[in-house]
Amino acid sequence: MAGVRAARANLLPGLILQGIMLTLLLCYYFYPPTTRLLNELAGLKEKWGFGYSAIASIIAGALIPETMRVLVFQKGKILRANFSNLIFTVPFWCVMGLMVDVLYRTQAMVFGADASLQVVASKVFFDQFFYTPFISAPLTCWLYDWKSAGYRLGGVGRFFTAVYCRDVIVPVVFANWGVWIPVVSILYSLPTLLQIPLFALALSLWVILYTWISEARAKQPSSETAS
């Protein structure tokens, strides 16, 4: 039930993100100016390789969220905590971006690089029902909670308990499925070189939308929020 509640909480920003990504997919295949623009991004990815994945993921996962935190929650005031956050999020999202790049490359070799229904379905299944619940979601939960605990080693044993998995990781996985299954279906329907650039774009949009929705919820009266 916690997982279902987490998925519902992300419904509106998730639908907006999915709509934007579907529009980009249709424009790529049916609107030549968009095709040319996205192919230029694919050319940059081909030229820079893993460097593109690292930089794009840092911008999308670390710099944009911290900028949104300063602008939305801190009213433009930069705090020492913002730099502390970046010390953690920059290397974290750099590594996560590289891992996603390896995932996409590996799947292209194993399942194929075309956008047939079988290939896309195989990639989505492996991405969302193996990589997400067993690798990316646990790593994200563990490392962010470790950061929140002040990087103390004491107590990290709880990360590997059934209770932690039930209360923390499972809701994250459900929330991820509700938003990202449609998104990665769209990503895998595009050429391989475009998947990382548009993954970074989707991650950026997701952060912006989620921050906006969170701020809107925070401003609701307590009685309305409780309802």
C-alpha atoms as a PDB file:
ATOM      1  CA  MET A   1       0.000   0.000   0.000  1.00  0.00           C
ATOM      2  CA  ALA A   2       2.918   2.345   0.675  1.00  0.00           C
ATOM      3  CA  GLY A   3       4.123   1.649  -2.856  1.00  0.00           C
ATOM      4  CA  VAL A   4       0.694   2.413  -4.311  1.00  0.00           C
ATOM      5  CA  ARG A   5       0.504   5.671  -2.343  1.00  0.00           C
ATOM      6  CA  ALA A   6       3.958   6.661  -3.613  1.00  0.00           C
ATOM      7  CA  ALA A   7       2.882   5.968  -7.200  1.00  0.00           C
ATOM      8  CA  ARG A   8      -0.299   8.023  -6.758  1.00  0.00           C
ATOM      9  CA  ALA A   9       1.660  10.927  -5.288  1.00  0.00           C
ATOM     10  CA  ASN A  10       3.714  11.076  -8.489  1.00  0.00           C
ATOM     11  CA  LEU A  11       0.737  10.733 -10.834  1.00  0.00           C
ATOM     12  CA  LEU A  12       0.439  14.318 -12.093  1.00  0.00           C
ATOM     13  CA  PRO A  13       4.142  15.080 -12.713  1.00  0.00           C
ATOM     14  CA  GLY A  14       4.533  11.591 -14.138  1.00  0.00           C
ATOM     15  CA  LEU A  15       1.721  12.103 -16.641  1.00  0.00           C
ATOM     16  CA  ILE A  16       3.139  15.477 -17.690  1.00  0.00           C
ATOM     17  CA  LEU A  17       6.593  13.960 -18.189  1.00  0.00           C
ATOM     18  CA  GLN A  18       5.185  11.025 -20.139  1.00  0.00           C
ATOM     19  CA  GLY A  19       3.184  13.390 -22.360  1.00  0.00           C
ATOM     20  CA  ILE A  20       6.271  15.472 -23.149  1.00  0.00           C
ATOM     21  CA  MET A  21       8.378  12.424 -23.944  1.00  0.00           C
ATOM     22  CA  LEU A  22       5.641  10.911 -26.157  1.00  0.00           C
ATOM     23  CA  THR A  23       5.427  14.213 -28.032  1.00  0.00           C
ATOM     24  CA  LEU A  24       9.189  14.146 -28.600  1.00  0.00           C
ATOM     25  CA  LEU A  25       8.981  10.574 -29.858  1.00  0.00           C
ATOM     26  CA  LEU A  26       6.252  11.432 -32.373  1.00  0.00           C
ATOM     27  CA  CYS A  27       8.041  14.597 -33.460  1.00  0.00           C
ATOM     28  CA  TYR A  28      11.282  12.661 -33.981  1.00  0.00           C
ATOM     29  CA  TYR A  29       9.621  10.302 -36.430  1.00  0.00           C
ATOM     30  CA  PHE A  30       7.152  12.692 -38.075  1.00  0.00           C
ATOM     31  CA  TYR A  31       8.507  16.270 -37.766  1.00  0.00           C
ATOM     32  CA  PRO A  32      11.826  16.766 -39.632  1.00  0.00           C
ATOM     33  CA  PRO A  33      13.084  19.825 -37.660  1.00  0.00           C
ATOM     34  CA  THR A  34      12.830  17.817 -34.431  1.00  0.00           C
ATOM     35  CA  THR A  35      14.511  14.872 -36.136  1.00  0.00           C
ATOM     36  CA  ARG A  36      17.469  17.040 -37.148  1.00  0.00           C
ATOM     37  CA  LEU A  37      17.767  18.580 -33.682  1.00  0.00           C
ATOM     38  CA  LEU A  38      17.711  15.241 -31.884  1.00  0.00           C
ATOM     39  CA  ASN A  39      20.128  13.724 -34.379  1.00  0.00           C
ATOM     40  CA  GLU A  40      22.564  16.509 -33.489  1.00  0.00           C
ATOM     41  CA  LEU A  41      22.270  15.425 -29.843  1.00  0.00           C
ATOM     42  CA  ALA A  42      22.920  11.864 -30.934  1.00  0.00           C
ATOM     43  CA  GLY A  43      26.040  13.096 -32.762  1.00  0.00           C
ATOM     44  CA  LEU A  44      27.304  14.732 -29.571  1.00  0.00           C
ATOM     45  CA  LYS A  45      26.694  11.530 -27.642  1.00  0.00           C
ATOM     46  CA  GLU A  46      28.608   9.551 -30.268  1.00  0.00           C
ATOM     47  CA  LYS A  47      31.500  12.025 -30.137  1.00  0.00           C
ATOM     48  CA  TRP A  48      31.776  12.357 -26.356  1.00  0.00           C
ATOM     49  CA  GLY A  49      30.761   8.808 -25.393  1.00  0.00           C
ATOM     50  CA  PHE A  50      30.725   8.150 -21.654  1.00  0.00           C
ATOM     51  CA  GLY A  51      31.770  11.758 -21.036  1.00  0.00           C
ATOM     52  CA  TYR A  52      28.432  12.937 -22.403  1.00  0.00           C
ATOM     53  CA  SER A  53      26.569  10.534 -20.089  1.00  0.00           C
ATOM     54  CA  ALA A  54      28.521  11.712 -17.045  1.00  0.00           C
ATOM     55  CA  ILE A  55      28.077  15.433 -17.725  1.00  0.00           C
ATOM     56  CA  ALA A  56      24.407  15.171 -18.718  1.00  0.00           C
ATOM     57  CA  SER A  57      23.567  13.109 -15.629  1.00  0.00           C
ATOM     58  CA  ILE A  58      25.371  15.526 -13.304  1.00  0.00           C
ATOM     59  CA  ILE A  59      23.434  18.447 -14.770  1.00  0.00           C
ATOM     60  CA  ALA A  60      20.104  16.595 -14.686  1.00  0.00           C
ATOM     61  CA  GLY A  61      20.450  14.794 -11.373  1.00  0.00           C
ATOM     62  CA  ALA A  62      22.609  17.150  -9.286  1.00  0.00           C
ATOM     63  CA  LEU A  63      22.775  20.715 -10.609  1.00  0.00           C
ATOM     64  CA  ILE A  64      19.149  21.151 -11.647  1.00  0.00           C
ATOM     65  CA  PRO A  65      17.697  19.749  -8.378  1.00  0.00           C
ATOM     66  CA  GLU A  66      19.978  21.952  -6.267  1.00  0.00           C
ATOM     67  CA  THR A  67      19.156  24.987  -8.393  1.00  0.00           C
ATOM     68  CA  MET A  68      15.438  24.233  -8.004  1.00  0.00           C
ATOM     69  CA  ARG A  69      15.918  23.851  -4.248  1.00  0.00           C
ATOM     70  CA  VAL A  70      17.573  27.280  -4.051  1.00  0.00           C
ATOM     71  CA  LEU A  71      15.000  29.000  -6.265  1.00  0.00           C
ATOM     72  CA  VAL A  72      11.825  27.311  -5.027  1.00  0.00           C
ATOM     73  CA  PHE A  73      12.384  26.360  -1.411  1.00  0.00           C
ATOM     74  CA  GLN A  74      15.074  28.832  -0.331  1.00  0.00           C
ATOM     75  CA  LYS A  75      13.737  31.823  -2.270  1.00  0.00           C
ATOM     76  CA  GLY A  76      17.052  32.391  -4.024  1.00  0.00           C
ATOM     77  CA  LYS A  77      19.232  32.238  -0.906  1.00  0.00           C
ATOM     78  CA  ILE A  78      22.301  30.016  -1.285  1.00  0.00           C
ATOM     79  CA  LEU A  79      23.186  28.064   1.846  1.00  0.00           C
ATOM     80  CA  ARG A  80      26.221  26.085   2.899  1.00  0.00           C
ATOM     81  CA  ALA A  81      24.066  22.959   2.772  1.00  0.00           C
ATOM     82  CA  ASN A  82      23.674  23.395  -0.990  1.00  0.00           C
ATOM     83  CA  PHE A  83      27.401  22.893  -1.498  1.00  0.00           C
ATOM     84  CA  SER A  84      27.347  19.941   0.892  1.00  0.00           C
ATOM     85  CA  ASN A  85      24.555  18.403  -1.168  1.00  0.00           C
ATOM     86  CA  LEU A  86      26.523  18.847  -4.387  1.00  0.00           C
ATOM     87  CA  ILE A  87      29.563  17.116  -2.908  1.00  0.00           C
ATOM     88  CA  PHE A  88      27.324  14.048  -2.647  1.00  0.00           C
ATOM     89  CA  THR A  89      25.024  14.373  -5.660  1.00  0.00           C
ATOM     90  CA  VAL A  90      27.626  15.240  -8.324  1.00  0.00           C
ATOM     91  CA  PRO A  91      29.633  11.991  -7.981  1.00  0.00           C
ATOM     92  CA  PHE A  92      26.471   9.981  -7.284  1.00  0.00           C
ATOM     93  CA  TRP A  93      24.695  11.046 -10.469  1.00  0.00           C
ATOM     94  CA  CYS A  94      27.902  10.857 -12.471  1.00  0.00           C
ATOM     95  CA  VAL A  95      28.205   7.174 -11.564  1.00  0.00           C
ATOM     96  CA  MET A  96      24.474   6.546 -12.061  1.00  0.00           C
ATOM     97  CA  GLY A  97      24.642   8.126 -15.517  1.00  0.00           C
ATOM     98  CA  LEU A  98      27.570   5.918 -16.462  1.00  0.00           C
ATOM     99  CA  MET A  99      25.699   2.869 -15.172  1.00  0.00           C
ATOM    100  CA  VAL A 100      22.666   3.737 -17.293  1.00  0.00           C
ATOM    101  CA  ASP A 101      24.918   4.185 -20.323  1.00  0.00           C
ATOM    102  CA  VAL A 102      26.416   0.727 -19.725  1.00  0.00           C
ATOM    103  CA  LEU A 103      22.895  -0.664 -19.299  1.00  0.00           C
ATOM    104  CA  TYR A 104      21.711   0.804 -22.602  1.00  0.00           C
ATOM    105  CA  ARG A 105      24.818  -0.332 -24.490  1.00  0.00           C
ATOM    106  CA  THR A 106      24.613  -3.841 -23.042  1.00  0.00           C
ATOM    107  CA  GLN A 107      20.937  -4.195 -23.861  1.00  0.00           C
ATOM    108  CA  ALA A 108      21.558  -3.023 -27.430  1.00  0.00           C
ATOM    109  CA  MET A 109      24.132  -5.806 -27.803  1.00  0.00           C
ATOM    110  CA  VAL A 110      21.997  -8.477 -26.146  1.00  0.00           C
ATOM    111  CA  PHE A 111      18.500  -7.644 -27.399  1.00  0.00           C
ATOM    112  CA  GLY A 112      19.297  -5.626 -30.514  1.00  0.00           C
ATOM    113  CA  ALA A 113      19.259  -1.950 -31.470  1.00  0.00           C
ATOM    114  CA  ASP A 114      16.059  -1.779 -33.524  1.00  0.00           C
ATOM    115  CA  ALA A 115      12.744  -0.485 -32.204  1.00  0.00           C
ATOM    116  CA  SER A 116      10.662  -3.599 -32.790  1.00  0.00           C
ATOM    117  CA  LEU A 117       8.020  -4.512 -30.216  1.00  0.00           C
ATOM    118  CA  GLN A 118       9.962  -7.548 -29.012  1.00  0.00           C
ATOM    119  CA  VAL A 119      13.212  -5.614 -28.558  1.00  0.00           C
ATOM    120  CA  VAL A 120      11.556  -2.684 -26.768  1.00  0.00           C
ATOM    121  CA  ALA A 121       9.535  -4.991 -24.496  1.00  0.00           C
ATOM    122  CA  SER A 122      12.650  -7.011 -23.583  1.00  0.00           C
ATOM    123  CA  LYS A 123      14.596  -3.867 -22.704  1.00  0.00           C
ATOM    124  CA  VAL A 124      11.759  -2.389 -20.664  1.00  0.00           C
ATOM    125  CA  PHE A 125      11.305  -5.649 -18.746  1.00  0.00           C
ATOM    126  CA  PHE A 126      15.016  -5.990 -17.916  1.00  0.00           C
ATOM    127  CA  ASP A 127      15.329  -2.270 -17.077  1.00  0.00           C
ATOM    128  CA  GLN A 128      12.301  -2.003 -14.808  1.00  0.00           C
ATOM    129  CA  PHE A 129      12.072  -5.483 -13.280  1.00  0.00           C
ATOM    130  CA  PHE A 130      15.750  -6.292 -12.786  1.00  0.00           C
ATOM    131  CA  TYR A 131      17.965  -3.210 -12.970  1.00  0.00           C
ATOM    132  CA  THR A 132      15.562  -0.921 -11.072  1.00  0.00           C
ATOM    133  CA  PRO A 133      14.456  -3.106  -8.130  1.00  0.00           C
ATOM    134  CA  PHE A 134      17.772  -4.894  -7.608  1.00  0.00           C
ATOM    135  CA  ILE A 135      20.380  -2.255  -8.492  1.00  0.00           C
ATOM    136  CA  SER A 136      19.380   1.377  -8.976  1.00  0.00           C
ATOM    137  CA  ALA A 137      16.576   1.690  -6.391  1.00  0.00           C
ATOM    138  CA  PRO A 138      18.482   0.002  -3.521  1.00  0.00           C
ATOM    139  CA  LEU A 139      21.671   1.947  -4.279  1.00  0.00           C
ATOM    140  CA  THR A 140      19.766   5.227  -4.368  1.00  0.00           C
ATOM    141  CA  CYS A 141      17.916   4.518  -1.116  1.00  0.00           C
ATOM    142  CA  TRP A 142      21.021   3.282   0.706  1.00  0.00           C
ATOM    143  CA  LEU A 143      23.296   6.129  -0.332  1.00  0.00           C
ATOM    144  CA  TYR A 144      20.767   8.936   0.201  1.00  0.00           C
ATOM    145  CA  ASP A 145      19.821   7.554   3.623  1.00  0.00           C
ATOM    146  CA  TRP A 146      23.509   7.156   4.471  1.00  0.00           C
ATOM    147  CA  LYS A 147      24.013  10.817   3.547  1.00  0.00           C
ATOM    148  CA  SER A 148      20.998  11.821   5.671  1.00  0.00           C
ATOM    149  CA  ALA A 149      22.525   9.914   8.612  1.00  0.00           C
ATOM    150  CA  GLY A 150      25.723  11.964   8.352  1.00  0.00           C
ATOM    151  CA  TYR A 151      27.736   9.263   6.559  1.00  0.00           C
ATOM    152  CA  ARG A 152      27.962   7.250   9.777  1.00  0.00           C
ATOM    153  CA  LEU A 153      28.790   3.578   9.388  1.00  0.00           C
ATOM    154  CA  GLY A 154      26.892   2.644  12.518  1.00  0.00           C
ATOM    155  CA  GLY A 155      23.388   1.492  11.688  1.00  0.00           C
ATOM    156  CA  VAL A 156      23.987   0.721   8.009  1.00  0.00           C
ATOM    157  CA  GLY A 157      23.068  -2.887   8.749  1.00  0.00           C
ATOM    158  CA  ARG A 158      19.397  -1.871   8.683  1.00  0.00           C
ATOM    159  CA  PHE A 159      19.754  -1.219   4.936  1.00  0.00           C
ATOM    160  CA  PHE A 160      19.866  -4.968   4.416  1.00  0.00           C
ATOM    161  CA  THR A 161      16.820  -5.926   6.470  1.00  0.00           C
ATOM    162  CA  ALA A 162      13.401  -7.000   5.256  1.00  0.00           C
ATOM    163  CA  VAL A 163      11.810  -4.100   7.142  1.00  0.00           C
ATOM    164  CA  TYR A 164      13.954  -1.521   5.337  1.00  0.00           C
ATOM    165  CA  CYS A 165      13.203  -3.174   2.009  1.00  0.00           C
ATOM    166  CA  ARG A 166       9.467  -3.114   2.723  1.00  0.00           C
ATOM    167  CA  ASP A 167       9.287   0.422   4.118  1.00  0.00           C
ATOM    168  CA  VAL A 168      11.795   2.238   1.896  1.00  0.00           C
ATOM    169  CA  ILE A 169      12.841   0.371  -1.238  1.00  0.00           C
ATOM    170  CA  VAL A 170       9.462  -1.089  -2.239  1.00  0.00           C
ATOM    171  CA  PRO A 171       7.663   2.301  -2.272  1.00  0.00           C
ATOM    172  CA  VAL A 172      10.511   3.768  -4.342  1.00  0.00           C
ATOM    173  CA  VAL A 173      10.255   0.915  -6.840  1.00  0.00           C
ATOM    174  CA  PHE A 174       6.478   1.322  -7.178  1.00  0.00           C
ATOM    175  CA  ALA A 175       6.822   5.078  -7.631  1.00  0.00           C
ATOM    176  CA  ASN A 176       9.505   4.466 -10.244  1.00  0.00           C
ATOM    177  CA  TRP A 177       7.315   2.007 -12.159  1.00  0.00           C
ATOM    178  CA  GLY A 178       4.397   4.429 -12.263  1.00  0.00           C
ATOM    179  CA  VAL A 179       6.504   7.133 -13.891  1.00  0.00           C
ATOM    180  CA  TRP A 180       9.318   5.414 -15.755  1.00  0.00           C
ATOM    181  CA  ILE A 181       7.838   2.309 -17.403  1.00  0.00           C
ATOM    182  CA  PRO A 182       6.116   4.499 -20.038  1.00  0.00           C
ATOM    183  CA  VAL A 183       9.167   6.775 -20.251  1.00  0.00           C
ATOM    184  CA  VAL A 184      11.712   4.010 -20.864  1.00  0.00           C
ATOM    185  CA  SER A 185       9.311   2.439 -23.367  1.00  0.00           C
ATOM    186  CA  ILE A 186       9.577   5.686 -25.302  1.00  0.00           C
ATOM    187  CA  LEU A 187      13.363   5.867 -24.871  1.00  0.00           C
ATOM    188  CA  TYR A 188      13.863   2.336 -26.176  1.00  0.00           C
ATOM    189  CA  SER A 189      11.742   3.206 -29.221  1.00  0.00           C
ATOM    190  CA  LEU A 190      14.433   5.664 -30.290  1.00  0.00           C
ATOM    191  CA  PRO A 191      17.929   5.052 -31.743  1.00  0.00           C
ATOM    192  CA  THR A 192      20.491   3.910 -29.165  1.00  0.00           C
ATOM    193  CA  LEU A 193      22.572   7.099 -29.392  1.00  0.00           C
ATOM    194  CA  LEU A 194      19.495   9.177 -28.512  1.00  0.00           C
ATOM    195  CA  GLN A 195      18.541   7.195 -25.440  1.00  0.00           C
ATOM    196  CA  ILE A 196      21.043   8.776 -23.026  1.00  0.00           C
ATOM    197  CA  PRO A 197      20.420  12.392 -24.194  1.00  0.00           C
ATOM    198  CA  LEU A 198      16.667  11.950 -23.793  1.00  0.00           C
ATOM    199  CA  PHE A 199      17.097  10.040 -20.529  1.00  0.00           C
ATOM    200  CA  ALA A 200      18.928  13.103 -19.188  1.00  0.00           C
ATOM    201  CA  LEU A 201      16.187  15.369 -20.535  1.00  0.00           C
ATOM    202  CA  ALA A 202      13.491  13.181 -18.931  1.00  0.00           C
ATOM    203  CA  LEU A 203      15.383  13.210 -15.622  1.00  0.00           C
ATOM    204  CA  SER A 204      15.657  17.021 -15.752  1.00  0.00           C
ATOM    205  CA  LEU A 205      11.964  17.446 -16.549  1.00  0.00           C
ATOM    206  CA  TRP A 206      11.043  14.995 -13.816  1.00  0.00           C
ATOM    207  CA  VAL A 207      13.037  16.928 -11.220  1.00  0.00           C
ATOM    208  CA  ILE A 208      11.495  20.236 -12.270  1.00  0.00           C
ATOM    209  CA  LEU A 209       7.950  18.869 -12.301  1.00  0.00           C
ATOM    210  CA  TYR A 210       8.321  17.011  -9.019  1.00  0.00           C
ATOM    211  CA  THR A 211       9.777  20.095  -7.314  1.00  0.00           C
ATOM    212  CA  TRP A 212       6.915  22.204  -8.626  1.00  0.00           C
ATOM    213  CA  ILE A 213       4.284  19.727  -7.388  1.00  0.00           C
ATOM    214  CA  SER A 214       6.029  19.407  -4.011  1.00  0.00           C
ATOM    215  CA  GLU A 215       6.035  23.178  -3.575  1.00  0.00           C
ATOM    216  CA  ALA A 216       2.350  23.363  -4.497  1.00  0.00           C
ATOM    217  CA  ARG A 217       1.521  20.703  -1.893  1.00  0.00           C
ATOM    218  CA  ALA A 218       3.588  22.499   0.746  1.00  0.00           C
ATOM    219  CA  LYS A 219       1.565  25.693   0.225  1.00  0.00           C
ATOM    220  CA  GLN A 220      -1.816  23.964   0.692  1.00  0.00           C
ATOM    221  CA  PRO A 221      -3.668  24.628   3.961  1.00  0.00           C
ATOM    222  CA  SER A 222      -3.176  21.857   6.491  1.00  0.00           C
ATOM    223  CA  SER A 223      -6.854  20.808   6.365  1.00  0.00           C
ATOM    224  CA  GLU A 224      -6.715  20.518   2.588  1.00  0.00           C
ATOM    225  CA  THR A 225      -3.468  18.577   2.754  1.00  0.00           C
ATOM    226  CA  ALA A 226      -4.942  16.193   5.297  1.00  0.00           C
ATOM    227  CA  SER A 227      -7.897  15.500   3.041  1.00  0.00           C
END
